[in-house]
Amino acid sequence: MSVAKPIDLDFSLEGKVALVTGAASGIGAAIATSFARKGAKVGFLDRNLAAAKALAETCEGAKAFECDVTDPVAAGLAVSAAEQAMGRIDILVNCAGIARLGPAEELSIADFRQTLDVNLTGTFVMAQAVARIMIANGGGRIINIASQAGSVAIDAHVAYCASKFGVIGLTKVQALEWGRHGITVNTISPTVVLTDLGRAAWDNPKGEALKKEIPTGRFAEPEEIAAAAVFLASDASAMINGADLVVDGGYTIH
């Protein structure tokens, strides 16, 4: 019988190489910089290469790569470039995302398709490209950022909910298929997060009303989502696979 290795309760990422999509801002930036603080060498992947570079320059050993997750060819090239430049890939966080909101009877097909292209298909494209490398290397961690909108219906979020429900389902199948290769795949589902975009969208009476529906009475900080990602990326989470870690202050328990 194999003996489990001692669990590192410091949640160190020392010696690991991590790629984070959507890393130039918001939740992605918080996760990428937190990984760097925990010892990982981080690849900052984003369509906005200049912003990604600016952040990467603040983190030891980090590099920036231009990446459009909706373009399978470009995404594959970005993954290959990152592997070549950084030597290996141990962790992937799929954080790139958009929200095109509107009533279900009014939302355009273009907005619906773009939301799914970025949030769902982009997650699949990146995970597939990186999983092929992880399978060859004997394992890794994949974290897909979903949402509370992947568990419950939210008004005017028809495309966003569809994409995030899809991300959770996608993740469970990936976890089932890739677990045998030493790869764990999990989702994190945040509530509203107080990034610059989050503050702009929810610093209003609608946001105050929503906070009253959250048992903890507040929205999340980006660093709280990053903390969850650090745990799921660490060796301490080796037995967590196919799970959805909900960071929503209790919003979805109603």
Protein backbone atom coordinates (compact mmCIF):
# COMPACT_ATOMS: atom_id res chain seq x y z
CA MET A 1 0.00 0.00 0.00
CA SER A 2 1.38 3.40 -0.97
CA VAL A 3 2.09 5.89 1.79
CA ALA A 4 0.77 9.42 1.30
CA LYS A 5 3.31 12.18 1.38
CA PRO A 6 3.10 14.63 4.31
CA ILE A 7 0.68 17.41 3.48
CA ASP A 8 2.19 20.89 3.16
CA LEU A 9 -0.15 23.09 5.18
CA ASP A 10 1.77 26.18 4.08
CA PHE A 11 0.16 25.64 0.63
CA SER A 12 3.48 26.32 -1.02
CA LEU A 13 3.73 26.49 -4.81
CA GLU A 14 7.52 26.58 -4.74
CA GLY A 15 9.02 25.11 -7.88
CA LYS A 16 5.71 25.02 -9.75
CA VAL A 17 4.96 26.67 -13.07
CA ALA A 18 1.47 28.14 -13.43
CA LEU A 19 -0.41 29.67 -16.34
CA VAL A 20 -3.29 32.05 -15.64
CA THR A 21 -5.57 33.34 -18.39
CA GLY A 22 -7.17 36.75 -18.02
CA ALA A 23 -4.19 37.61 -15.85
CA ALA A 24 -3.86 41.27 -16.78
CA SER A 25 -6.65 42.46 -14.49
CA GLY A 26 -9.30 41.57 -11.94
CA ILE A 27 -9.51 38.09 -10.45
CA GLY A 28 -6.89 36.75 -12.86
CA ALA A 29 -4.35 39.33 -11.74
CA ALA A 30 -5.06 38.58 -8.08
CA ILE A 31 -4.58 34.85 -8.64
CA ALA A 32 -1.44 35.22 -10.74
CA THR A 33 0.29 37.55 -8.29
CA SER A 34 -0.76 35.39 -5.32
CA PHE A 35 0.73 32.32 -7.00
CA ALA A 36 3.98 34.23 -7.47
CA ARG A 37 4.02 35.15 -3.78
CA LYS A 38 3.63 31.45 -2.93
CA GLY A 39 6.73 30.60 -4.96
CA ALA A 40 5.38 29.69 -8.40
CA LYS A 41 6.78 30.93 -11.68
CA VAL A 42 3.75 32.39 -13.40
CA GLY A 43 2.82 32.86 -17.01
CA PHE A 44 0.48 35.85 -17.32
CA LEU A 45 -1.76 35.12 -20.34
CA ASP A 46 -4.05 37.81 -21.68
CA ARG A 47 -5.19 39.50 -24.90
CA ASN A 48 -3.77 42.74 -23.43
CA LEU A 49 -0.09 41.86 -23.65
CA ALA A 50 1.14 45.26 -22.43
CA ALA A 51 -0.89 45.05 -19.21
CA ALA A 52 0.14 41.43 -18.69
CA LYS A 53 3.80 42.37 -19.10
CA ALA A 54 3.49 45.22 -16.63
CA LEU A 55 2.18 42.87 -13.95
CA ALA A 56 4.60 40.07 -14.79
CA GLU A 57 7.51 42.45 -14.28
CA THR A 58 6.48 42.80 -10.63
CA CYS A 59 6.80 39.04 -10.00
CA GLU A 60 10.08 37.13 -9.88
CA GLY A 61 10.43 34.61 -12.70
CA ALA A 62 7.14 35.59 -14.32
CA LYS A 63 6.58 36.00 -18.04
CA ALA A 64 3.74 37.39 -20.14
CA PHE A 65 2.17 35.84 -23.22
CA GLU A 66 -0.47 37.16 -25.58
CA CYS A 67 -3.41 34.76 -25.69
CA ASP A 68 -6.88 34.87 -27.22
CA VAL A 69 -8.72 31.90 -25.73
CA THR A 70 -11.40 32.05 -28.45
CA ASP A 71 -8.82 31.19 -31.12
CA PRO A 72 -7.70 27.55 -30.74
CA VAL A 73 -4.64 28.05 -32.93
CA ALA A 74 -3.48 31.18 -31.11
CA ALA A 75 -4.22 29.62 -27.72
CA GLY A 76 -2.26 26.52 -28.62
CA LEU A 77 0.69 28.62 -29.74
CA ALA A 78 0.57 30.58 -26.47
CA VAL A 79 0.62 27.37 -24.43
CA SER A 80 3.53 26.02 -26.48
CA ALA A 81 5.44 29.27 -26.09
CA ALA A 82 4.85 29.26 -22.34
CA GLU A 83 5.98 25.65 -21.97
CA GLN A 84 9.11 26.33 -23.99
CA ALA A 85 9.95 29.52 -22.10
CA MET A 86 9.16 28.22 -18.62
CA GLY A 87 10.18 24.59 -18.95
CA ARG A 88 6.96 22.88 -17.88
CA ILE A 89 3.35 23.53 -16.87
CA ASP A 90 2.09 22.30 -13.50
CA ILE A 91 -0.97 24.51 -12.99
CA LEU A 92 -3.55 26.14 -15.24
CA VAL A 93 -6.17 28.64 -14.11
CA ASN A 94 -8.83 29.48 -16.69
CA CYS A 95 -9.94 32.94 -15.60
CA ALA A 96 -10.55 34.76 -18.89
CA GLY A 97 -14.22 35.72 -19.06
CA ILE A 98 -16.80 38.24 -20.16
CA ALA A 99 -20.38 39.09 -19.27
CA ARG A 100 -22.89 40.19 -21.90
CA LEU A 101 -26.08 40.86 -19.99
CA GLY A 102 -29.68 41.50 -20.97
CA PRO A 103 -33.20 40.05 -20.81
CA ALA A 104 -33.44 36.61 -22.39
CA GLU A 105 -35.92 37.83 -25.01
CA GLU A 106 -33.65 40.71 -26.04
CA LEU A 107 -30.04 39.47 -25.85
CA SER A 108 -28.49 39.26 -29.30
CA ILE A 109 -27.20 36.03 -30.78
CA ALA A 110 -23.83 37.75 -31.19
CA ASP A 111 -23.62 38.52 -27.46
CA PHE A 112 -24.79 35.00 -26.56
CA ARG A 113 -22.21 33.36 -28.82
CA GLN A 114 -19.36 35.61 -27.71
CA THR A 115 -20.08 34.85 -24.05
CA LEU A 116 -19.96 31.11 -24.70
CA ASP A 117 -16.90 31.45 -26.94
CA VAL A 118 -14.87 33.13 -24.21
CA ASN A 119 -16.23 31.59 -21.02
CA LEU A 120 -16.97 28.01 -22.08
CA THR A 121 -15.21 27.19 -25.34
CA GLY A 122 -12.14 29.16 -24.27
CA THR A 123 -11.96 27.16 -21.04
CA PHE A 124 -12.19 23.91 -23.02
CA VAL A 125 -9.54 24.98 -25.54
CA MET A 126 -7.00 25.98 -22.89
CA ALA A 127 -7.64 22.99 -20.64
CA GLN A 128 -7.31 20.57 -23.56
CA ALA A 129 -4.02 22.08 -24.73
CA VAL A 130 -2.51 22.09 -21.25
CA ALA A 131 -3.89 18.66 -20.26
CA ARG A 132 -2.03 17.05 -23.14
CA ILE A 133 1.20 18.40 -21.66
CA MET A 134 0.23 17.42 -18.11
CA ILE A 135 -0.63 13.87 -19.19
CA ALA A 136 2.81 13.51 -20.73
CA ASN A 137 4.41 14.95 -17.58
CA GLY A 138 2.46 12.80 -15.13
CA GLY A 139 -0.03 15.21 -13.61
CA GLY A 140 -1.05 18.74 -12.71
CA ARG A 141 -3.78 21.04 -11.45
CA ILE A 142 -6.45 22.73 -13.56
CA ILE A 143 -8.75 25.32 -11.99
CA ASN A 144 -11.66 26.69 -14.02
CA ILE A 145 -13.30 29.86 -12.77
CA ALA A 146 -17.06 29.39 -12.83
CA SER A 147 -19.56 31.51 -10.85
CA GLN A 148 -22.51 31.44 -8.52
CA ALA A 149 -24.29 31.92 -11.86
CA GLY A 150 -23.27 28.35 -12.63
CA SER A 151 -25.52 27.05 -9.85
CA VAL A 152 -28.54 29.36 -9.75
CA ALA A 153 -30.46 31.53 -12.19
CA ILE A 154 -29.72 35.26 -12.11
CA ASP A 155 -31.90 37.83 -13.82
CA ALA A 156 -30.56 39.14 -17.16
CA HIS A 157 -27.70 36.60 -17.10
CA VAL A 158 -29.00 34.07 -19.63
CA ALA A 159 -25.76 33.79 -21.62
CA TYR A 160 -23.51 34.12 -18.59
CA CYS A 161 -25.44 31.47 -16.65
CA ALA A 162 -25.42 29.14 -19.66
CA SER A 163 -21.65 29.52 -19.98
CA LYS A 164 -20.91 29.01 -16.29
CA PHE A 165 -23.31 26.06 -15.86
CA GLY A 166 -21.39 24.65 -18.84
CA VAL A 167 -18.00 25.27 -17.22
CA ILE A 168 -19.05 23.27 -14.16
CA GLY A 169 -20.27 20.37 -16.29
CA LEU A 170 -17.16 20.50 -18.47
CA THR A 171 -14.97 20.43 -15.38
CA LYS A 172 -16.64 17.33 -13.96
CA VAL A 173 -16.02 15.38 -17.17
CA GLN A 174 -12.41 16.57 -17.33
CA ALA A 175 -11.94 15.51 -13.69
CA LEU A 176 -13.42 12.08 -14.45
CA GLU A 177 -11.25 11.49 -17.51
CA TRP A 178 -7.98 13.08 -16.42
CA GLY A 179 -7.87 12.01 -12.77
CA ARG A 180 -6.26 8.73 -13.80
CA HIS A 181 -3.37 10.77 -15.22
CA GLY A 182 -2.70 12.57 -11.95
CA ILE A 183 -4.55 15.73 -13.02
CA THR A 184 -7.16 17.25 -10.76
CA VAL A 185 -9.74 19.62 -12.26
CA ASN A 186 -11.95 21.81 -10.09
CA THR A 187 -14.01 24.98 -10.31
CA ILE A 188 -14.20 28.06 -8.13
CA SER A 189 -17.57 29.81 -8.15
CA PRO A 190 -17.42 33.35 -6.78
CA THR A 191 -20.16 35.77 -5.97
CA VAL A 192 -19.73 39.37 -7.15
CA VAL A 193 -16.05 40.21 -6.73
CA LEU A 194 -14.90 43.76 -6.03
CA THR A 195 -12.58 44.19 -8.98
CA ASP A 196 -12.68 47.50 -10.81
CA LEU A 197 -15.36 46.08 -13.13
CA GLY A 198 -17.26 44.58 -10.21
CA ARG A 199 -17.35 47.87 -8.36
CA ALA A 200 -18.50 49.73 -11.45
CA ALA A 201 -21.31 47.25 -12.10
CA TRP A 202 -22.58 46.79 -8.54
CA ASP A 203 -21.83 50.03 -6.64
CA ASN A 204 -25.47 51.06 -6.90
CA PRO A 205 -28.90 50.30 -5.39
CA LYS A 206 -29.03 46.99 -7.27
CA GLY A 207 -25.78 45.95 -5.60
CA GLU A 208 -27.03 46.97 -2.16
CA ALA A 209 -30.15 44.87 -2.70
CA LEU A 210 -28.06 41.88 -3.78
CA LYS A 211 -25.84 42.11 -0.71
CA LYS A 212 -28.93 41.74 1.47
CA GLU A 213 -29.46 38.31 -0.11
CA ILE A 214 -25.93 37.17 0.85
CA PRO A 215 -25.82 35.77 4.41
CA THR A 216 -22.40 37.33 5.06
CA GLY A 217 -23.78 40.68 3.88
CA ARG A 218 -21.00 41.61 1.48
CA PHE A 219 -19.29 40.88 -1.83
CA ALA A 220 -15.93 39.12 -2.19
CA GLU A 221 -12.49 40.65 -2.50
CA PRO A 222 -10.24 39.42 -5.36
CA GLU A 223 -7.71 38.11 -2.83
CA GLU A 224 -10.35 35.80 -1.35
CA ILE A 225 -10.78 34.10 -4.72
CA ALA A 226 -7.00 33.97 -5.07
CA ALA A 227 -6.74 32.24 -1.68
CA ALA A 228 -9.11 29.52 -2.86
CA ALA A 229 -7.05 29.10 -6.03
CA VAL A 230 -3.80 28.81 -4.05
CA PHE A 231 -5.33 25.98 -2.03
CA LEU A 232 -6.63 24.11 -5.08
CA ALA A 233 -3.28 24.55 -6.86
CA SER A 234 -1.29 23.25 -3.89
CA ASP A 235 -0.35 19.67 -3.02
CA ALA A 236 -2.74 19.86 -0.06
CA SER A 237 -5.72 19.55 -2.43
CA ALA A 238 -4.60 16.31 -4.10
CA MET A 239 -7.83 14.45 -3.18
CA ILE A 240 -10.14 17.22 -4.38
CA ASN A 241 -11.22 16.48 -7.94
CA GLY A 242 -14.35 17.50 -9.83
CA ALA A 243 -15.47 19.79 -7.01
CA ASP A 244 -17.04 23.24 -7.21
CA LEU A 245 -15.65 25.48 -4.47
CA VAL A 246 -18.34 28.12 -3.97
CA VAL A 247 -17.05 31.43 -2.59
CA ASP A 248 -20.33 33.32 -2.37
CA GLY A 249 -20.93 34.12 1.29
CA GLY A 250 -23.85 31.69 1.23
CA TYR A 251 -25.85 33.27 -1.61
CA THR A 252 -26.65 29.93 -3.28
CA ILE A 253 -27.80 28.12 -0.10
CA HIS A 254 -31.23 29.78 -0.20
